[in-house]
Amino acid sequence: MKKLLTILVLTVMITSCTQRTEYVQASYTSTALYDGWECSKLREEYISVEEVFVQSSQTQGNFVNSDVASLKGQRVALRQSARNAGCGGHTVSEIITVEP
């Protein structure tokens, strides 16, 4: 009985743990969502997604890994779209701060 209880407790503990956000892989988000967007709009959207991502990282217990993966995918797509649009820079800080 004690062994069964131990296994049950360990199972609950393992399944209730969520991955840390840095270990969650980005899900694919198409850059087509952002085709035709101006640099200022891409910057605004990136900042918005980044704010939600930071909040989800801090309160990770309330978010499932798929939400984190989706946000990471959106960030990747937005950075690529900004590069494709010629928004300047190759780093995140350059892309979101350089005015067109």
Protein backbone atom coordinates (compact mmCIF):
# COMPACT_ATOMS: atom_id res chain seq x y z
CA MET A 1 0.00 0.00 0.00
CA LYS A 2 2.81 2.40 0.90
CA LYS A 3 4.56 1.68 -2.42
CA LEU A 4 1.34 2.35 -4.36
CA LEU A 5 0.82 5.64 -2.53
CA THR A 6 4.41 6.69 -3.28
CA ILE A 7 3.98 5.89 -6.97
CA LEU A 8 0.70 7.80 -7.08
CA VAL A 9 2.23 10.88 -5.40
CA LEU A 10 5.23 10.82 -7.74
CA THR A 11 2.99 10.47 -10.78
CA VAL A 12 0.89 13.46 -9.74
CA MET A 13 4.00 15.53 -9.08
CA ILE A 14 5.58 14.70 -12.43
CA THR A 15 2.44 15.29 -14.49
CA SER A 16 1.62 18.55 -12.72
CA CYS A 17 5.01 20.08 -13.50
CA THR A 18 5.16 22.33 -16.51
CA GLN A 19 8.30 22.87 -18.50
CA ARG A 20 10.26 26.01 -17.97
CA THR A 21 9.61 28.44 -20.80
CA GLU A 22 13.17 28.30 -22.09
CA TYR A 23 12.75 24.59 -22.79
CA VAL A 24 9.47 24.93 -24.70
CA GLN A 25 10.01 24.81 -28.46
CA ALA A 26 8.42 27.51 -30.61
CA SER A 27 5.47 26.34 -32.66
CA TYR A 28 5.43 27.29 -36.33
CA THR A 29 3.77 30.59 -37.16
CA SER A 30 3.68 31.66 -40.80
CA THR A 31 5.16 35.01 -41.69
CA ALA A 32 2.27 35.36 -44.16
CA LEU A 33 0.19 36.63 -41.23
CA TYR A 34 2.31 39.76 -41.24
CA ASP A 35 2.78 40.28 -45.00
CA GLY A 36 2.36 43.91 -45.99
CA TRP A 37 2.69 45.24 -42.45
CA GLU A 38 4.72 48.40 -41.99
CA CYS A 39 7.69 48.41 -39.66
CA SER A 40 5.88 50.42 -37.00
CA LYS A 41 2.99 47.93 -36.96
CA LEU A 42 5.41 44.98 -36.76
CA ARG A 43 7.20 46.68 -33.87
CA GLU A 44 3.94 47.30 -32.00
CA GLU A 45 2.84 43.69 -32.47
CA TYR A 46 6.22 42.34 -31.41
CA ILE A 47 6.16 44.44 -28.23
CA SER A 48 2.62 43.27 -27.50
CA VAL A 49 3.52 39.59 -27.99
CA GLU A 50 6.67 40.05 -25.92
CA GLU A 51 4.69 41.56 -23.03
CA VAL A 52 2.29 38.61 -23.01
CA PHE A 53 5.23 36.20 -23.22
CA VAL A 54 6.97 37.82 -20.25
CA GLN A 55 3.75 37.70 -18.23
CA SER A 56 3.23 34.04 -19.14
CA SER A 57 6.79 33.25 -18.12
CA GLN A 58 6.26 34.86 -14.71
CA THR A 59 2.91 33.17 -14.07
CA GLN A 60 3.71 29.96 -15.89
CA GLY A 61 1.40 27.85 -13.76
CA ASN A 62 -1.58 29.51 -15.46
CA PHE A 63 -0.34 28.85 -18.99
CA VAL A 64 0.03 25.61 -20.84
CA ASN A 65 3.15 24.88 -22.83
CA SER A 66 1.21 25.24 -26.08
CA ASP A 67 0.48 28.89 -25.23
CA VAL A 68 4.17 29.54 -24.60
CA ALA A 69 5.09 27.69 -27.81
CA SER A 70 2.61 29.77 -29.78
CA LEU A 71 3.96 33.03 -28.37
CA LYS A 72 7.52 31.97 -29.19
CA GLY A 73 6.42 31.11 -32.73
CA GLN A 74 4.81 34.52 -33.13
CA ARG A 75 8.00 36.22 -31.99
CA VAL A 76 10.04 34.27 -34.55
CA ALA A 77 7.60 35.09 -37.35
CA LEU A 78 7.49 38.78 -36.43
CA ARG A 79 11.30 39.05 -36.38
CA GLN A 80 11.52 37.36 -39.76
CA SER A 81 8.77 39.55 -41.19
CA ALA A 82 10.57 42.65 -39.92
CA ARG A 83 13.75 41.51 -41.65
CA ASN A 84 11.83 40.74 -44.85
CA ALA A 85 10.23 44.19 -44.74
CA GLY A 86 13.63 45.85 -44.41
CA CYS A 87 12.91 47.23 -40.97
CA GLY A 88 16.61 47.37 -40.21
CA GLY A 89 18.78 45.49 -37.84
CA HIS A 90 19.45 41.85 -37.29
CA THR A 91 18.87 41.66 -33.57
CA VAL A 92 15.57 41.93 -31.74
CA SER A 93 16.50 45.26 -30.16
CA GLU A 94 17.45 46.72 -33.53
CA ILE A 95 14.29 45.50 -35.22
CA ILE A 96 11.96 46.86 -32.55
CA THR A 97 13.73 50.18 -31.95
CA VAL A 98 15.00 51.38 -35.34
CA GLU A 99 12.60 53.84 -36.94
CA PRO A 100 12.01 53.38 -40.69
